[in-house]
Amino acid sequence: MGFIMNLGPWPFIFISLVYFGLWIYCMIDIIQSKFKDSNMKLIWILVILFAPLIGMLVYLALGKGTKTLSY
């Protein structure tokens, strides 16, 4: 535990940047995507806003199944 304390604020800054970047990626992906159900876009946005960490992980795992395929 002392090793982590000696690193200073860098682990916290790195984790925060990764978290924020993942949040931005998910929000942009939701906004730009078309979903099978028209309400799914709003539902995913609300899930990520109100349960950010779990919402992002669930969206990344299950979100592709709710999108329409457009090439």
PDB file of N, CA and C in Angstrom:
ATOM      1  N   MET A   1       0.820  -1.192   0.000  1.00  0.00           N
ATOM      2  CA  MET A   1       0.000   0.000   0.000  1.00  0.00           C
ATOM      3  C   MET A   1       0.865   1.258   0.000  1.00  0.00           C
ATOM      4  N   GLY A   2       2.036   1.176   0.603  1.00  0.00           N
ATOM      5  CA  GLY A   2       2.916   2.329   0.646  1.00  0.00           C
ATOM      6  C   GLY A   2       3.412   2.724  -0.730  1.00  0.00           C
ATOM      7  N   PHE A   3       3.574   1.719  -1.610  1.00  0.00           N
ATOM      8  CA  PHE A   3       4.028   2.007  -2.968  1.00  0.00           C
ATOM      9  C   PHE A   3       3.033   2.904  -3.693  1.00  0.00           C
ATOM     10  N   ILE A   4       1.760   2.616  -3.533  1.00  0.00           N
ATOM     11  CA  ILE A   4       0.725   3.420  -4.191  1.00  0.00           C
ATOM     12  C   ILE A   4       0.698   4.825  -3.622  1.00  0.00           C
ATOM     13  N   MET A   5       0.898   4.949  -2.341  1.00  0.00           N
ATOM     14  CA  MET A   5       0.898   6.271  -1.713  1.00  0.00           C
ATOM     15  C   MET A   5       2.078   7.112  -2.199  1.00  0.00           C
ATOM     16  N   ASN A   6       3.193   6.464  -2.540  1.00  0.00           N
ATOM     17  CA  ASN A   6       4.374   7.190  -3.006  1.00  0.00           C
ATOM     18  C   ASN A   6       4.249   7.664  -4.450  1.00  0.00           C
ATOM     19  N   LEU A   7       3.268   7.170  -5.185  1.00  0.00           N
ATOM     20  CA  LEU A   7       3.101   7.587  -6.577  1.00  0.00           C
ATOM     21  C   LEU A   7       2.487   8.973  -6.706  1.00  0.00           C
ATOM     22  N   GLY A   8       1.879   9.454  -5.670  1.00  0.00           N
ATOM     23  CA  GLY A   8       1.259  10.770  -5.699  1.00  0.00           C
ATOM     24  C   GLY A   8      -0.105  10.708  -6.359  1.00  0.00           C
ATOM     25  N   PRO A   9      -0.499  11.786  -7.029  1.00  0.00           N
ATOM     26  CA  PRO A   9      -1.847  11.842  -7.606  1.00  0.00           C
ATOM     27  C   PRO A   9      -1.981  11.161  -8.964  1.00  0.00           C
ATOM     28  N   TRP A  10      -0.890  10.638  -9.535  1.00  0.00           N
ATOM     29  CA  TRP A  10      -0.935  10.129 -10.905  1.00  0.00           C
ATOM     30  C   TRP A  10      -1.874   8.958 -11.133  1.00  0.00           C
ATOM     31  N   PRO A  11      -1.959   7.982 -10.247  1.00  0.00           N
ATOM     32  CA  PRO A  11      -2.939   6.904 -10.489  1.00  0.00           C
ATOM     33  C   PRO A  11      -4.375   7.427 -10.519  1.00  0.00           C
ATOM     34  N   PHE A  12      -4.692   8.350  -9.625  1.00  0.00           N
ATOM     35  CA  PHE A  12      -6.032   8.931  -9.608  1.00  0.00           C
ATOM     36  C   PHE A  12      -6.307   9.710 -10.887  1.00  0.00           C
ATOM     37  N   ILE A  13      -5.344  10.470 -11.344  1.00  0.00           N
ATOM     38  CA  ILE A  13      -5.511  11.258 -12.571  1.00  0.00           C
ATOM     39  C   ILE A  13      -5.696  10.325 -13.770  1.00  0.00           C
ATOM     40  N   PHE A  14      -4.899   9.265 -13.846  1.00  0.00           N
ATOM     41  CA  PHE A  14      -5.003   8.318 -14.958  1.00  0.00           C
ATOM     42  C   PHE A  14      -6.366   7.629 -14.964  1.00  0.00           C
ATOM     43  N   ILE A  15      -6.803   7.137 -13.811  1.00  0.00           N
ATOM     44  CA  ILE A  15      -8.098   6.465 -13.725  1.00  0.00           C
ATOM     45  C   ILE A  15      -9.226   7.428 -14.062  1.00  0.00           C
ATOM     46  N   SER A  16      -9.130   8.670 -13.617  1.00  0.00           N
ATOM     47  CA  SER A  16     -10.152   9.672 -13.921  1.00  0.00           C
ATOM     48  C   SER A  16     -10.231   9.958 -15.414  1.00  0.00           C
ATOM     49  N   LEU A  17      -9.086  10.066 -16.065  1.00  0.00           N
ATOM     50  CA  LEU A  17      -9.070  10.325 -17.509  1.00  0.00           C
ATOM     51  C   LEU A  17      -9.637   9.147 -18.298  1.00  0.00           C
ATOM     52  N   VAL A  18      -9.305   7.940 -17.900  1.00  0.00           N
ATOM     53  CA  VAL A  18      -9.851   6.753 -18.567  1.00  0.00           C
ATOM     54  C   VAL A  18     -11.358   6.692 -18.375  1.00  0.00           C
ATOM     55  N   TYR A  19     -11.822   6.937 -17.167  1.00  0.00           N
ATOM     56  CA  TYR A  19     -13.253   6.926 -16.855  1.00  0.00           C
ATOM     57  C   TYR A  19     -13.994   7.978 -17.677  1.00  0.00           C
ATOM     58  N   PHE A  20     -13.479   9.204 -17.693  1.00  0.00           N
ATOM     59  CA  PHE A  20     -14.117  10.287 -18.436  1.00  0.00           C
ATOM     60  C   PHE A  20     -14.102  10.007 -19.940  1.00  0.00           C
ATOM     61  N   GLY A  21     -12.997   9.482 -20.446  1.00  0.00           N
ATOM     62  CA  GLY A  21     -12.917   9.146 -21.870  1.00  0.00           C
ATOM     63  C   GLY A  21     -13.905   8.064 -22.257  1.00  0.00           C
ATOM     64  N   LEU A  22     -14.061   7.070 -21.407  1.00  0.00           N
ATOM     65  CA  LEU A  22     -15.029   6.000 -21.660  1.00  0.00           C
ATOM     66  C   LEU A  22     -16.455   6.535 -21.622  1.00  0.00           C
ATOM     67  N   TRP A  23     -16.726   7.442 -20.698  1.00  0.00           N
ATOM     68  CA  TRP A  23     -18.046   8.059 -20.600  1.00  0.00           C
ATOM     69  C   TRP A  23     -18.359   8.858 -21.870  1.00  0.00           C
ATOM     70  N   ILE A  24     -17.414   9.646 -22.326  1.00  0.00           N
ATOM     71  CA  ILE A  24     -17.586  10.434 -23.557  1.00  0.00           C
ATOM     72  C   ILE A  24     -17.794   9.509 -24.746  1.00  0.00           C
ATOM     73  N   TYR A  25     -16.991   8.439 -24.856  1.00  0.00           N
ATOM     74  CA  TYR A  25     -17.135   7.490 -25.957  1.00  0.00           C
ATOM     75  C   TYR A  25     -18.536   6.888 -25.986  1.00  0.00           C
ATOM     76  N   CYS A  26     -19.023   6.456 -24.837  1.00  0.00           N
ATOM     77  CA  CYS A  26     -20.356   5.843 -24.772  1.00  0.00           C
ATOM     78  C   CYS A  26     -21.443   6.844 -25.155  1.00  0.00           C
ATOM     79  N   MET A  27     -21.354   8.061 -24.653  1.00  0.00           N
ATOM     80  CA  MET A  27     -22.374   9.062 -24.972  1.00  0.00           C
ATOM     81  C   MET A  27     -22.378   9.380 -26.471  1.00  0.00           C
ATOM     82  N   ILE A  28     -21.218   9.565 -27.072  1.00  0.00           N
ATOM     83  CA  ILE A  28     -21.147   9.864 -28.504  1.00  0.00           C
ATOM     84  C   ILE A  28     -21.666   8.681 -29.310  1.00  0.00           C
ATOM     85  N   ASP A  29     -21.306   7.467 -28.908  1.00  0.00           N
ATOM     86  CA  ASP A  29     -21.759   6.275 -29.616  1.00  0.00           C
ATOM     87  C   ASP A  29     -23.280   6.145 -29.544  1.00  0.00           C
ATOM     88  N   ILE A  30     -23.858   6.422 -28.405  1.00  0.00           N
ATOM     89  CA  ILE A  30     -25.319   6.356 -28.257  1.00  0.00           C
ATOM     90  C   ILE A  30     -25.992   7.407 -29.126  1.00  0.00           C
ATOM     91  N   ILE A  31     -25.488   8.618 -29.090  1.00  0.00           N
ATOM     92  CA  ILE A  31     -26.110   9.717 -29.838  1.00  0.00           C
ATOM     93  C   ILE A  31     -26.037   9.474 -31.347  1.00  0.00           C
ATOM     94  N   GLN A  32     -24.948   8.907 -31.832  1.00  0.00           N
ATOM     95  CA  GLN A  32     -24.772   8.711 -33.265  1.00  0.00           C
ATOM     96  C   GLN A  32     -25.404   7.428 -33.790  1.00  0.00           C
ATOM     97  N   SER A  33     -25.803   6.529 -32.926  1.00  0.00           N
ATOM     98  CA  SER A  33     -26.304   5.222 -33.358  1.00  0.00           C
ATOM     99  C   SER A  33     -27.809   5.234 -33.569  1.00  0.00           C
ATOM    100  N   LYS A  34     -28.246   4.293 -34.400  1.00  0.00           N
ATOM    101  CA  LYS A  34     -29.664   4.051 -34.601  1.00  0.00           C
ATOM    102  C   LYS A  34     -29.998   2.751 -33.890  1.00  0.00           C
ATOM    103  N   PHE A  35     -31.120   2.756 -33.177  1.00  0.00           N
ATOM    104  CA  PHE A  35     -31.521   1.599 -32.391  1.00  0.00           C
ATOM    105  C   PHE A  35     -32.773   0.973 -32.972  1.00  0.00           C
ATOM    106  N   LYS A  36     -32.968  -0.317 -32.681  1.00  0.00           N
ATOM    107  CA  LYS A  36     -34.146  -1.036 -33.162  1.00  0.00           C
ATOM    108  C   LYS A  36     -35.415  -0.422 -32.592  1.00  0.00           C
ATOM    109  N   ASP A  37     -35.386  -0.087 -31.317  1.00  0.00           N
ATOM    110  CA  ASP A  37     -36.516   0.556 -30.653  1.00  0.00           C
ATOM    111  C   ASP A  37     -36.187   2.040 -30.505  1.00  0.00           C
ATOM    112  N   SER A  38     -37.104   2.897 -30.845  1.00  0.00           N
ATOM    113  CA  SER A  38     -36.832   4.337 -30.822  1.00  0.00           C
ATOM    114  C   SER A  38     -36.580   4.864 -29.419  1.00  0.00           C
ATOM    115  N   ASN A  39     -37.068   4.193 -28.397  1.00  0.00           N
ATOM    116  CA  ASN A  39     -36.875   4.655 -27.018  1.00  0.00           C
ATOM    117  C   ASN A  39     -35.540   4.218 -26.424  1.00  0.00           C
ATOM    118  N   MET A  40     -34.845   3.302 -27.053  1.00  0.00           N
ATOM    119  CA  MET A  40     -33.607   2.770 -26.492  1.00  0.00           C
ATOM    120  C   MET A  40     -32.512   3.827 -26.364  1.00  0.00           C
ATOM    121  N   LYS A  41     -32.473   4.785 -27.274  1.00  0.00           N
ATOM    122  CA  LYS A  41     -31.466   5.842 -27.182  1.00  0.00           C
ATOM    123  C   LYS A  41     -31.647   6.629 -25.891  1.00  0.00           C
ATOM    124  N   LEU A  42     -32.874   7.014 -25.590  1.00  0.00           N
ATOM    125  CA  LEU A  42     -33.156   7.752 -24.365  1.00  0.00           C
ATOM    126  C   LEU A  42     -32.874   6.896 -23.137  1.00  0.00           C
ATOM    127  N   ILE A  43     -33.255   5.635 -23.192  1.00  0.00           N
ATOM    128  CA  ILE A  43     -33.026   4.732 -22.056  1.00  0.00           C
ATOM    129  C   ILE A  43     -31.531   4.593 -21.774  1.00  0.00           C
ATOM    130  N   TRP A  44     -30.720   4.373 -22.820  1.00  0.00           N
ATOM    131  CA  TRP A  44     -29.279   4.222 -22.606  1.00  0.00           C
ATOM    132  C   TRP A  44     -28.654   5.507 -22.073  1.00  0.00           C
ATOM    133  N   ILE A  45     -29.092   6.653 -22.569  1.00  0.00           N
ATOM    134  CA  ILE A  45     -28.558   7.928 -22.066  1.00  0.00           C
ATOM    135  C   ILE A  45     -28.882   8.090 -20.590  1.00  0.00           C
ATOM    136  N   LEU A  46     -30.117   7.784 -20.201  1.00  0.00           N
ATOM    137  CA  LEU A  46     -30.506   7.904 -18.797  1.00  0.00           C
ATOM    138  C   LEU A  46     -29.741   6.916 -17.916  1.00  0.00           C
ATOM    139  N   VAL A  47     -29.542   5.711 -18.409  1.00  0.00           N
ATOM    140  CA  VAL A  47     -28.788   4.716 -17.633  1.00  0.00           C
ATOM    141  C   VAL A  47     -27.369   5.205 -17.395  1.00  0.00           C
ATOM    142  N   ILE A  48     -26.729   5.758 -18.419  1.00  0.00           N
ATOM    143  CA  ILE A  48     -25.346   6.210 -18.271  1.00  0.00           C
ATOM    144  C   ILE A  48     -25.257   7.483 -17.428  1.00  0.00           C
ATOM    145  N   LEU A  49     -26.279   8.303 -17.456  1.00  0.00           N
ATOM    146  CA  LEU A  49     -26.260   9.502 -16.619  1.00  0.00           C
ATOM    147  C   LEU A  49     -26.481   9.181 -15.143  1.00  0.00           C
ATOM    148  N   PHE A  50     -27.382   8.251 -14.838  1.00  0.00           N
ATOM    149  CA  PHE A  50     -27.733   7.991 -13.448  1.00  0.00           C
ATOM    150  C   PHE A  50     -26.965   6.836 -12.810  1.00  0.00           C
ATOM    151  N   ALA A  51     -26.373   5.973 -13.589  1.00  0.00           N
ATOM    152  CA  ALA A  51     -25.526   4.893 -13.077  1.00  0.00           C
ATOM    153  C   ALA A  51     -24.303   4.798 -13.976  1.00  0.00           C
ATOM    154  N   PRO A  52     -23.412   5.772 -13.902  1.00  0.00           N
ATOM    155  CA  PRO A  52     -22.358   5.903 -14.899  1.00  0.00           C
ATOM    156  C   PRO A  52     -21.459   4.679 -15.056  1.00  0.00           C
ATOM    157  N   LEU A  53     -20.864   4.197 -14.012  1.00  0.00           N
ATOM    158  CA  LEU A  53     -19.897   3.114 -14.167  1.00  0.00           C
ATOM    159  C   LEU A  53     -20.568   1.824 -14.617  1.00  0.00           C
ATOM    160  N   ILE A  54     -21.599   1.417 -13.925  1.00  0.00           N
ATOM    161  CA  ILE A  54     -22.304   0.188 -14.294  1.00  0.00           C
ATOM    162  C   ILE A  54     -23.006   0.382 -15.638  1.00  0.00           C
ATOM    163  N   GLY A  55     -23.564   1.547 -15.880  1.00  0.00           N
ATOM    164  CA  GLY A  55     -24.241   1.822 -17.140  1.00  0.00           C
ATOM    165  C   GLY A  55     -23.312   1.721 -18.333  1.00  0.00           C
ATOM    166  N   MET A  56     -22.097   2.260 -18.182  1.00  0.00           N
ATOM    167  CA  MET A  56     -21.132   2.177 -19.287  1.00  0.00           C
ATOM    168  C   MET A  56     -20.732   0.736 -19.560  1.00  0.00           C
ATOM    169  N   LEU A  57     -20.489  -0.024 -18.508  1.00  0.00           N
ATOM    170  CA  LEU A  57     -20.081  -1.423 -18.689  1.00  0.00           C
ATOM    171  C   LEU A  57     -21.195  -2.257 -19.311  1.00  0.00           C
ATOM    172  N   VAL A  58     -22.428  -2.029 -18.865  1.00  0.00           N
ATOM    173  CA  VAL A  58     -23.565  -2.762 -19.429  1.00  0.00           C
ATOM    174  C   VAL A  58     -23.781  -2.351 -20.881  1.00  0.00           C
ATOM    175  N   TYR A  59     -23.660  -1.065 -21.183  1.00  0.00           N
ATOM    176  CA  TYR A  59     -23.834  -0.606 -22.557  1.00  0.00           C
ATOM    177  C   TYR A  59     -22.775  -1.220 -23.474  1.00  0.00           C
ATOM    178  N   LEU A  60     -21.534  -1.230 -23.033  1.00  0.00           N
ATOM    179  CA  LEU A  60     -20.479  -1.802 -23.867  1.00  0.00           C
ATOM    180  C   LEU A  60     -20.673  -3.306 -24.069  1.00  0.00           C
ATOM    181  N   ALA A  61     -21.244  -3.977 -23.078  1.00  0.00           N
ATOM    182  CA  ALA A  61     -21.455  -5.417 -23.187  1.00  0.00           C
ATOM    183  C   ALA A  61     -22.719  -5.764 -23.967  1.00  0.00           C
ATOM    184  N   LEU A  62     -23.803  -5.008 -23.770  1.00  0.00           N
ATOM    185  CA  LEU A  62     -25.096  -5.366 -24.339  1.00  0.00           C
ATOM    186  C   LEU A  62     -25.637  -4.375 -25.364  1.00  0.00           C
ATOM    187  N   GLY A  63     -25.043  -3.221 -25.489  1.00  0.00           N
ATOM    188  CA  GLY A  63     -25.579  -2.174 -26.336  1.00  0.00           C
ATOM    189  C   GLY A  63     -25.605  -2.513 -27.819  1.00  0.00           C
ATOM    190  N   LYS A  64     -24.650  -3.254 -28.296  1.00  0.00           N
ATOM    191  CA  LYS A  64     -24.601  -3.592 -29.729  1.00  0.00           C
ATOM    192  C   LYS A  64     -25.799  -4.418 -30.156  1.00  0.00           C
ATOM    193  N   GLY A  65     -26.358  -5.206 -29.252  1.00  0.00           N
ATOM    194  CA  GLY A  65     -27.526  -6.021 -29.581  1.00  0.00           C
ATOM    195  C   GLY A  65     -28.792  -5.216 -29.782  1.00  0.00           C
ATOM    196  N   THR A  66     -28.826  -3.982 -29.275  1.00  0.00           N
ATOM    197  CA  THR A  66     -30.015  -3.155 -29.401  1.00  0.00           C
ATOM    198  C   THR A  66     -29.927  -2.177 -30.581  1.00  0.00           C
ATOM    199  N   LYS A  67     -28.779  -2.151 -31.268  1.00  0.00           N
ATOM    200  CA  LYS A  67     -28.592  -1.244 -32.397  1.00  0.00           C
ATOM    201  C   LYS A  67     -29.036  -1.905 -33.682  1.00  0.00           C
ATOM    202  N   THR A  68     -29.372  -1.078 -34.677  1.00  0.00           N
ATOM    203  CA  THR A  68     -29.644  -1.596 -36.016  1.00  0.00           C
ATOM    204  C   THR A  68     -28.324  -1.645 -36.768  1.00  0.00           C
ATOM    205  N   LEU A  69     -28.198  -2.559 -37.666  1.00  0.00           N
ATOM    206  CA  LEU A  69     -26.986  -2.666 -38.468  1.00  0.00           C
ATOM    207  C   LEU A  69     -27.115  -1.767 -39.677  1.00  0.00           C
ATOM    208  N   SER A  70     -26.213  -0.803 -39.784  1.00  0.00           N
ATOM    209  CA  SER A  70     -26.228   0.097 -40.941  1.00  0.00           C
ATOM    210  C   SER A  70     -24.818   0.170 -41.499  1.00  0.00           C
ATOM    211  N   TYR A  71     -24.682  -0.163 -42.737  1.00  0.00           N
ATOM    212  CA  TYR A  71     -23.354  -0.144 -43.369  1.00  0.00           C
ATOM    213  C   TYR A  71     -23.288   0.949 -44.388  1.00  0.00           C
TER     214      TYR A  71
END
